[in-house]
């Protein structure tokens, strides 16, 4: 993330805040799925989260939004990526087993056998979670600020 940030600011001084925010964005990205993904997947999720932070920060600055510490770009964008990426990278045993408090287990169908394609439902459930978070945050923000 630091080198991409450096490439965006070529010819100017280094950006220590951007480097720290890139690291923080990677950590925010992996927080949602840290218990159910492998080590290599956590590195991929964190790296994509850091790159998404850079893109979001660049777009917000170009659009003229007043976010001097890139709080939205660090927390919201990588956080939403982390919610969606958890089931996408849940390949510990196979895509249809999920980490539960008792260990790895599959979702059982009506016949008592493991269902296939359950990861698609998990992705959709997390997308519904993202929309719910956006909606509830918007309602609370409107109540507080208007």
N, C-alpha and C. Protein backbone atom coordinates (compact mmCIF):
# COMPACT_ATOMS: atom_id res chain seq x y z
N UNK A 1 0.83 -1.19 0.00
CA UNK A 1 0.00 0.00 0.00
C UNK A 1 0.87 1.25 0.00
N UNK A 2 2.00 1.19 0.73
CA UNK A 2 2.87 2.35 0.78
C UNK A 2 3.42 2.69 -0.60
N UNK A 3 3.84 1.67 -1.33
CA UNK A 3 4.43 1.95 -2.65
C UNK A 3 3.39 2.46 -3.63
N UNK A 4 2.16 1.99 -3.54
CA UNK A 4 1.11 2.54 -4.40
C UNK A 4 0.81 3.98 -4.01
N UNK A 5 0.80 4.26 -2.71
CA UNK A 5 0.58 5.63 -2.26
C UNK A 5 1.71 6.53 -2.72
N UNK A 6 2.93 6.01 -2.68
CA UNK A 6 4.09 6.77 -3.14
C UNK A 6 3.97 7.05 -4.63
N UNK A 7 3.47 6.07 -5.40
CA UNK A 7 3.31 6.27 -6.84
C UNK A 7 2.28 7.36 -7.14
N UNK A 8 1.21 7.44 -6.32
CA UNK A 8 0.22 8.50 -6.52
C UNK A 8 0.81 9.88 -6.24
N UNK A 9 1.77 9.95 -5.32
CA UNK A 9 2.33 11.25 -4.93
C UNK A 9 3.74 11.42 -5.50
N UNK A 10 4.00 10.87 -6.66
CA UNK A 10 5.33 10.94 -7.25
C UNK A 10 5.78 12.39 -7.40
N UNK A 11 6.97 12.68 -6.98
CA UNK A 11 7.51 14.02 -7.08
C UNK A 11 7.23 14.87 -5.85
N UNK A 12 6.43 14.40 -4.94
CA UNK A 12 6.15 15.12 -3.70
C UNK A 12 6.81 14.37 -2.55
N UNK A 13 6.65 14.90 -1.37
CA UNK A 13 7.23 14.23 -0.21
C UNK A 13 6.46 12.96 0.11
N UNK A 14 7.07 12.07 0.89
CA UNK A 14 6.42 10.83 1.29
C UNK A 14 5.19 11.10 2.15
N UNK A 15 4.33 10.12 2.23
CA UNK A 15 3.08 10.29 2.94
C UNK A 15 2.98 9.23 4.03
N UNK A 16 3.45 9.57 5.24
CA UNK A 16 3.43 8.61 6.34
C UNK A 16 2.00 8.28 6.77
N UNK A 17 1.10 9.27 6.77
CA UNK A 17 -0.29 9.03 7.12
C UNK A 17 -0.93 8.06 6.13
N UNK A 18 -0.62 8.21 4.85
CA UNK A 18 -1.15 7.28 3.85
C UNK A 18 -0.66 5.87 4.06
N UNK A 19 0.61 5.72 4.43
CA UNK A 19 1.14 4.39 4.70
C UNK A 19 0.44 3.76 5.90
N UNK A 20 0.29 4.52 6.97
CA UNK A 20 -0.38 4.01 8.17
C UNK A 20 -1.85 3.68 7.88
N UNK A 21 -2.51 4.52 7.10
CA UNK A 21 -3.90 4.25 6.74
C UNK A 21 -4.02 3.01 5.86
N UNK A 22 -3.03 2.78 4.99
CA UNK A 22 -3.05 1.56 4.18
C UNK A 22 -2.94 0.32 5.03
N UNK A 23 -2.08 0.35 6.03
CA UNK A 23 -1.95 -0.78 6.95
C UNK A 23 -3.25 -0.97 7.73
N UNK A 24 -3.82 0.13 8.22
CA UNK A 24 -5.07 0.06 8.96
C UNK A 24 -6.20 -0.46 8.09
N UNK A 25 -6.24 -0.06 6.83
CA UNK A 25 -7.28 -0.55 5.91
C UNK A 25 -7.16 -2.05 5.71
N UNK A 26 -5.94 -2.56 5.62
CA UNK A 26 -5.76 -4.01 5.51
C UNK A 26 -6.25 -4.73 6.75
N UNK A 27 -5.99 -4.16 7.91
CA UNK A 27 -6.45 -4.78 9.16
C UNK A 27 -7.97 -4.72 9.29
N UNK A 28 -8.58 -3.62 8.85
CA UNK A 28 -10.04 -3.51 8.87
C UNK A 28 -10.64 -4.56 7.94
N UNK A 29 -10.01 -4.77 6.79
CA UNK A 29 -10.54 -5.73 5.80
C UNK A 29 -10.59 -7.15 6.34
N UNK A 30 -9.59 -7.55 7.07
CA UNK A 30 -9.52 -8.94 7.51
C UNK A 30 -10.28 -9.18 8.81
N UNK A 31 -10.73 -8.14 9.47
CA UNK A 31 -11.40 -8.30 10.77
C UNK A 31 -12.66 -9.15 10.69
N UNK A 32 -13.44 -9.02 9.64
CA UNK A 32 -14.71 -9.75 9.57
C UNK A 32 -14.52 -11.25 9.38
N UNK A 33 -13.53 -11.65 8.60
CA UNK A 33 -13.39 -13.06 8.30
C UNK A 33 -12.16 -13.71 8.86
N UNK A 34 -11.55 -13.11 9.86
CA UNK A 34 -10.25 -13.60 10.35
C UNK A 34 -10.32 -15.02 10.92
N UNK A 35 -11.46 -15.44 11.43
CA UNK A 35 -11.53 -16.77 12.03
C UNK A 35 -11.87 -17.86 11.03
N UNK A 36 -12.19 -17.49 9.80
CA UNK A 36 -12.66 -18.51 8.86
C UNK A 36 -11.89 -18.56 7.55
N UNK A 37 -10.78 -17.84 7.45
CA UNK A 37 -9.99 -17.90 6.23
C UNK A 37 -8.57 -18.36 6.57
N UNK A 38 -7.88 -18.84 5.56
CA UNK A 38 -6.51 -19.30 5.75
C UNK A 38 -5.55 -18.11 5.78
N UNK A 39 -4.29 -18.40 6.07
CA UNK A 39 -3.29 -17.32 6.17
C UNK A 39 -3.08 -16.61 4.85
N UNK A 40 -2.95 -17.38 3.75
CA UNK A 40 -2.72 -16.73 2.46
C UNK A 40 -3.94 -15.90 2.06
N UNK A 41 -5.15 -16.36 2.39
CA UNK A 41 -6.35 -15.60 2.06
C UNK A 41 -6.41 -14.30 2.85
N UNK A 42 -5.96 -14.33 4.10
CA UNK A 42 -5.97 -13.11 4.90
C UNK A 42 -5.01 -12.08 4.32
N UNK A 43 -3.88 -12.53 3.79
CA UNK A 43 -2.96 -11.60 3.13
C UNK A 43 -3.59 -11.00 1.88
N UNK A 44 -4.29 -11.83 1.10
CA UNK A 44 -4.95 -11.32 -0.11
C UNK A 44 -6.06 -10.33 0.24
N UNK A 45 -6.86 -10.66 1.23
CA UNK A 45 -7.96 -9.77 1.64
C UNK A 45 -7.41 -8.44 2.14
N UNK A 46 -6.36 -8.49 2.95
CA UNK A 46 -5.76 -7.25 3.46
C UNK A 46 -5.14 -6.41 2.36
N UNK A 47 -4.47 -7.06 1.40
CA UNK A 47 -3.85 -6.32 0.30
C UNK A 47 -4.90 -5.65 -0.58
N UNK A 48 -5.97 -6.37 -0.88
CA UNK A 48 -7.04 -5.77 -1.68
C UNK A 48 -7.70 -4.63 -0.90
N UNK A 49 -7.88 -4.81 0.40
CA UNK A 49 -8.45 -3.74 1.22
C UNK A 49 -7.60 -2.48 1.21
N UNK A 50 -6.28 -2.65 1.27
CA UNK A 50 -5.38 -1.50 1.22
C UNK A 50 -5.47 -0.79 -0.13
N UNK A 51 -5.57 -1.58 -1.20
CA UNK A 51 -5.70 -0.97 -2.54
C UNK A 51 -7.04 -0.28 -2.71
N UNK A 52 -8.09 -0.87 -2.14
CA UNK A 52 -9.40 -0.21 -2.20
C UNK A 52 -9.39 1.10 -1.42
N UNK A 53 -8.64 1.12 -0.31
CA UNK A 53 -8.50 2.38 0.44
C UNK A 53 -7.86 3.45 -0.44
N UNK A 54 -6.79 3.07 -1.14
CA UNK A 54 -6.11 4.05 -2.00
C UNK A 54 -7.05 4.59 -3.07
N UNK A 55 -7.81 3.70 -3.69
CA UNK A 55 -8.74 4.13 -4.74
C UNK A 55 -9.84 5.02 -4.16
N UNK A 56 -10.40 4.62 -3.01
CA UNK A 56 -11.46 5.42 -2.39
C UNK A 56 -10.94 6.78 -1.96
N UNK A 57 -9.75 6.83 -1.41
CA UNK A 57 -9.17 8.10 -0.99
C UNK A 57 -8.96 9.02 -2.19
N UNK A 58 -8.46 8.47 -3.26
CA UNK A 58 -8.23 9.25 -4.48
C UNK A 58 -9.54 9.79 -5.03
N UNK A 59 -10.58 8.94 -5.10
CA UNK A 59 -11.88 9.36 -5.64
C UNK A 59 -12.52 10.41 -4.75
N UNK A 60 -12.48 10.22 -3.43
CA UNK A 60 -13.08 11.20 -2.53
C UNK A 60 -12.40 12.56 -2.62
N UNK A 61 -11.08 12.55 -2.77
CA UNK A 61 -10.36 13.83 -2.91
C UNK A 61 -10.72 14.51 -4.22
N UNK A 62 -10.83 13.72 -5.30
CA UNK A 62 -11.18 14.29 -6.61
C UNK A 62 -12.60 14.85 -6.61
N UNK A 63 -13.50 14.21 -5.87
CA UNK A 63 -14.89 14.68 -5.81
C UNK A 63 -15.07 15.85 -4.85
N UNK A 64 -14.03 16.16 -4.07
CA UNK A 64 -14.08 17.32 -3.19
C UNK A 64 -14.69 17.07 -1.82
N UNK A 65 -14.78 15.82 -1.39
CA UNK A 65 -15.31 15.53 -0.06
C UNK A 65 -14.30 15.95 1.00
N UNK A 66 -14.82 16.46 2.11
CA UNK A 66 -13.97 16.92 3.20
C UNK A 66 -13.77 15.78 4.19
N UNK A 67 -12.72 15.02 3.99
CA UNK A 67 -12.37 13.90 4.87
C UNK A 67 -10.85 13.95 5.06
N UNK A 68 -10.37 14.86 5.91
CA UNK A 68 -8.92 15.10 5.98
C UNK A 68 -8.11 13.91 6.49
N UNK A 69 -8.68 13.02 7.24
CA UNK A 69 -7.94 11.85 7.74
C UNK A 69 -8.34 10.57 7.05
N UNK A 70 -9.12 10.66 5.98
CA UNK A 70 -9.55 9.49 5.19
C UNK A 70 -10.29 8.45 6.02
N UNK A 71 -11.12 8.91 6.94
CA UNK A 71 -11.82 7.98 7.83
C UNK A 71 -12.77 7.07 7.04
N UNK A 72 -13.53 7.63 6.12
CA UNK A 72 -14.44 6.81 5.31
C UNK A 72 -13.68 5.83 4.44
N UNK A 73 -12.62 6.32 3.81
CA UNK A 73 -11.83 5.47 2.92
C UNK A 73 -11.11 4.35 3.67
N UNK A 74 -10.75 4.59 4.92
CA UNK A 74 -10.03 3.58 5.71
C UNK A 74 -10.99 2.56 6.31
N UNK A 75 -12.14 3.00 6.79
CA UNK A 75 -13.02 2.09 7.54
C UNK A 75 -14.18 1.54 6.73
N UNK A 76 -14.87 2.35 5.98
CA UNK A 76 -16.09 1.88 5.29
C UNK A 76 -15.77 0.99 4.09
N UNK A 77 -14.95 1.48 3.18
CA UNK A 77 -14.70 0.73 1.95
C UNK A 77 -13.99 -0.60 2.23
N UNK A 78 -12.86 -0.62 2.95
CA UNK A 78 -12.26 -1.92 3.25
C UNK A 78 -13.12 -2.79 4.17
N UNK A 79 -13.91 -2.16 5.04
CA UNK A 79 -14.80 -2.94 5.90
C UNK A 79 -15.87 -3.66 5.12
N UNK A 80 -16.45 -2.99 4.13
CA UNK A 80 -17.44 -3.65 3.28
C UNK A 80 -16.79 -4.76 2.46
N UNK A 81 -15.59 -4.53 1.97
CA UNK A 81 -14.86 -5.57 1.25
C UNK A 81 -14.61 -6.77 2.17
N UNK A 82 -14.25 -6.50 3.40
CA UNK A 82 -14.00 -7.58 4.34
C UNK A 82 -15.24 -8.42 4.61
N UNK A 83 -16.41 -7.77 4.69
CA UNK A 83 -17.65 -8.52 4.90
C UNK A 83 -17.96 -9.44 3.73
N UNK A 84 -17.76 -8.95 2.53
CA UNK A 84 -18.07 -9.74 1.34
C UNK A 84 -17.00 -10.80 1.08
N UNK A 85 -15.75 -10.50 1.40
CA UNK A 85 -14.67 -11.42 1.06
C UNK A 85 -14.56 -12.61 2.00
N UNK A 86 -15.13 -12.52 3.20
CA UNK A 86 -15.06 -13.65 4.13
C UNK A 86 -15.56 -14.95 3.53
N UNK A 87 -16.81 -14.99 3.02
CA UNK A 87 -17.28 -16.23 2.41
C UNK A 87 -16.58 -16.57 1.10
N UNK A 88 -16.10 -15.55 0.37
CA UNK A 88 -15.43 -15.83 -0.90
C UNK A 88 -14.10 -16.57 -0.70
N UNK A 89 -13.43 -16.29 0.40
CA UNK A 89 -12.13 -16.91 0.67
C UNK A 89 -12.22 -18.00 1.73
N UNK A 90 -13.41 -18.47 2.03
CA UNK A 90 -13.60 -19.50 3.05
C UNK A 90 -13.36 -20.88 2.42
N UNK A 91 -12.10 -21.19 2.15
CA UNK A 91 -11.75 -22.43 1.46
C UNK A 91 -10.96 -23.35 2.35
N UNK A 92 -11.20 -23.31 3.65
CA UNK A 92 -10.39 -24.12 4.55
C UNK A 92 -10.51 -25.61 4.22
N UNK A 93 -11.71 -26.14 4.24
CA UNK A 93 -11.90 -27.55 3.91
C UNK A 93 -12.55 -27.67 2.54
N UNK A 94 -13.58 -26.98 2.31
CA UNK A 94 -14.16 -26.73 0.99
C UNK A 94 -15.10 -25.54 1.17
N UNK A 95 -15.65 -25.08 0.10
CA UNK A 95 -16.41 -23.83 0.15
C UNK A 95 -17.72 -23.95 0.91
N UNK A 96 -18.15 -25.15 1.22
CA UNK A 96 -19.45 -25.32 1.86
C UNK A 96 -19.37 -25.57 3.35
N UNK A 97 -18.19 -25.51 3.93
CA UNK A 97 -18.06 -25.66 5.38
C UNK A 97 -17.69 -24.31 5.97
N UNK A 98 -18.31 -24.00 7.11
CA UNK A 98 -18.11 -22.71 7.73
C UNK A 98 -17.62 -22.91 9.16
N UNK A 99 -16.88 -21.94 9.63
CA UNK A 99 -16.35 -22.01 10.98
C UNK A 99 -17.45 -21.67 11.97
N UNK A 100 -17.66 -22.55 12.91
CA UNK A 100 -18.68 -22.37 13.94
C UNK A 100 -17.98 -22.45 15.30
N UNK A 101 -18.67 -22.11 16.37
CA UNK A 101 -18.03 -22.21 17.70
C UNK A 101 -17.53 -23.61 18.03
N UNK A 102 -18.14 -24.63 17.43
CA UNK A 102 -17.71 -26.00 17.69
C UNK A 102 -16.70 -26.50 16.68
N UNK A 103 -16.29 -25.68 15.74
CA UNK A 103 -15.33 -26.08 14.71
C UNK A 103 -15.93 -25.95 13.33
N UNK A 104 -15.29 -26.55 12.35
CA UNK A 104 -15.74 -26.48 10.97
C UNK A 104 -16.90 -27.44 10.77
N UNK A 105 -17.97 -26.96 10.17
CA UNK A 105 -19.14 -27.79 9.92
C UNK A 105 -19.85 -27.30 8.66
N UNK A 106 -20.57 -28.20 8.05
CA UNK A 106 -21.32 -27.82 6.86
C UNK A 106 -22.77 -27.52 7.23
N UNK A 107 -23.46 -26.83 6.33
CA UNK A 107 -24.89 -26.61 6.52
C UNK A 107 -25.62 -27.86 6.05
N UNK A 108 -26.48 -28.37 6.89
CA UNK A 108 -27.19 -29.60 6.57
C UNK A 108 -28.49 -29.29 5.85
N UNK A 109 -28.78 -30.11 4.85
CA UNK A 109 -30.04 -29.98 4.13
C UNK A 109 -31.15 -30.74 4.84
N UNK A 110 -32.31 -30.83 4.20
CA UNK A 110 -33.45 -31.53 4.80
C UNK A 110 -33.19 -33.03 4.94
N UNK A 111 -32.34 -33.56 4.06
CA UNK A 111 -32.04 -34.99 4.11
C UNK A 111 -30.91 -35.33 5.08
N UNK A 112 -30.35 -34.34 5.75
CA UNK A 112 -29.28 -34.57 6.71
C UNK A 112 -27.89 -34.57 6.10
N UNK A 113 -27.80 -34.39 4.78
CA UNK A 113 -26.50 -34.36 4.12
C UNK A 113 -26.02 -32.91 3.98
N UNK A 114 -24.73 -32.75 3.77
CA UNK A 114 -24.18 -31.41 3.57
C UNK A 114 -24.71 -30.80 2.28
N UNK A 115 -25.15 -29.55 2.38
CA UNK A 115 -25.64 -28.85 1.20
C UNK A 115 -24.47 -28.30 0.40
N UNK A 116 -24.58 -28.30 -0.91
CA UNK A 116 -23.56 -27.69 -1.76
C UNK A 116 -24.06 -26.31 -2.18
N UNK A 117 -23.13 -25.42 -2.43
CA UNK A 117 -23.49 -24.06 -2.84
C UNK A 117 -23.87 -23.15 -1.70
N UNK A 118 -23.58 -23.55 -0.48
CA UNK A 118 -23.96 -22.71 0.67
C UNK A 118 -23.16 -21.42 0.71
N UNK A 119 -21.97 -21.39 0.10
CA UNK A 119 -21.16 -20.17 0.13
C UNK A 119 -21.84 -19.04 -0.62
N UNK A 120 -22.66 -19.36 -1.64
CA UNK A 120 -23.38 -18.31 -2.37
C UNK A 120 -24.38 -17.63 -1.44
N UNK A 121 -25.08 -18.43 -0.63
CA UNK A 121 -26.01 -17.86 0.34
C UNK A 121 -25.28 -17.03 1.39
N UNK A 122 -24.07 -17.46 1.75
CA UNK A 122 -23.29 -16.69 2.72
C UNK A 122 -22.87 -15.34 2.15
N UNK A 123 -22.49 -15.31 0.87
CA UNK A 123 -22.14 -14.04 0.23
C UNK A 123 -23.36 -13.12 0.20
N UNK A 124 -24.51 -13.66 -0.19
CA UNK A 124 -25.73 -12.85 -0.23
C UNK A 124 -26.11 -12.34 1.16
N UNK A 125 -25.95 -13.18 2.16
CA UNK A 125 -26.27 -12.75 3.53
C UNK A 125 -25.35 -11.61 3.96
N UNK A 126 -24.08 -11.68 3.59
CA UNK A 126 -23.16 -10.60 3.95
C UNK A 126 -23.45 -9.34 3.14
N UNK A 127 -23.89 -9.48 1.89
CA UNK A 127 -24.29 -8.29 1.12
C UNK A 127 -25.51 -7.62 1.73
N UNK A 128 -26.45 -8.42 2.22
CA UNK A 128 -27.61 -7.86 2.93
C UNK A 128 -27.13 -7.15 4.20
N UNK A 129 -26.12 -7.71 4.86
CA UNK A 129 -25.55 -7.05 6.02
C UNK A 129 -24.93 -5.71 5.69
N UNK A 130 -24.25 -5.63 4.55
CA UNK A 130 -23.66 -4.36 4.11
C UNK A 130 -24.75 -3.32 3.88
N UNK A 131 -25.81 -3.71 3.18
CA UNK A 131 -26.92 -2.78 2.91
C UNK A 131 -27.59 -2.36 4.22
N UNK A 132 -27.73 -3.28 5.15
CA UNK A 132 -28.33 -2.96 6.45
C UNK A 132 -27.46 -1.97 7.22
N UNK A 133 -26.15 -2.17 7.19
CA UNK A 133 -25.24 -1.25 7.87
C UNK A 133 -25.32 0.15 7.26
N UNK A 134 -25.35 0.22 5.94
CA UNK A 134 -25.45 1.52 5.26
C UNK A 134 -26.78 2.19 5.64
N UNK A 135 -27.87 1.44 5.61
CA UNK A 135 -29.17 2.01 5.94
C UNK A 135 -29.27 2.48 7.37
N UNK A 136 -28.82 1.66 8.30
CA UNK A 136 -28.92 2.06 9.71
C UNK A 136 -27.99 3.24 10.01
N UNK A 137 -26.83 3.27 9.39
CA UNK A 137 -25.92 4.40 9.58
C UNK A 137 -26.52 5.68 9.01
N UNK A 138 -27.19 5.58 7.88
CA UNK A 138 -27.81 6.76 7.28
C UNK A 138 -28.95 7.29 8.16
N UNK A 139 -29.74 6.38 8.71
CA UNK A 139 -30.85 6.81 9.57
C UNK A 139 -30.32 7.50 10.82
N UNK A 140 -29.33 6.90 11.46
CA UNK A 140 -28.77 7.49 12.68
C UNK A 140 -28.11 8.84 12.37
N UNK A 141 -27.39 8.92 11.24
CA UNK A 141 -26.76 10.19 10.86
C UNK A 141 -27.80 11.28 10.62
N UNK A 142 -28.90 10.92 9.96
CA UNK A 142 -29.96 11.92 9.73
C UNK A 142 -30.60 12.37 11.04
N UNK A 143 -30.79 11.44 11.97
CA UNK A 143 -31.36 11.82 13.26
C UNK A 143 -30.44 12.73 14.05
N UNK A 144 -29.15 12.49 13.95
CA UNK A 144 -28.20 13.27 14.72
C UNK A 144 -27.93 14.63 14.09
N UNK A 145 -27.79 14.68 12.77
CA UNK A 145 -27.34 15.91 12.13
C UNK A 145 -28.46 16.76 11.55
N UNK A 146 -29.69 16.26 11.48
CA UNK A 146 -30.75 17.08 10.88
C UNK A 146 -31.88 17.29 11.83
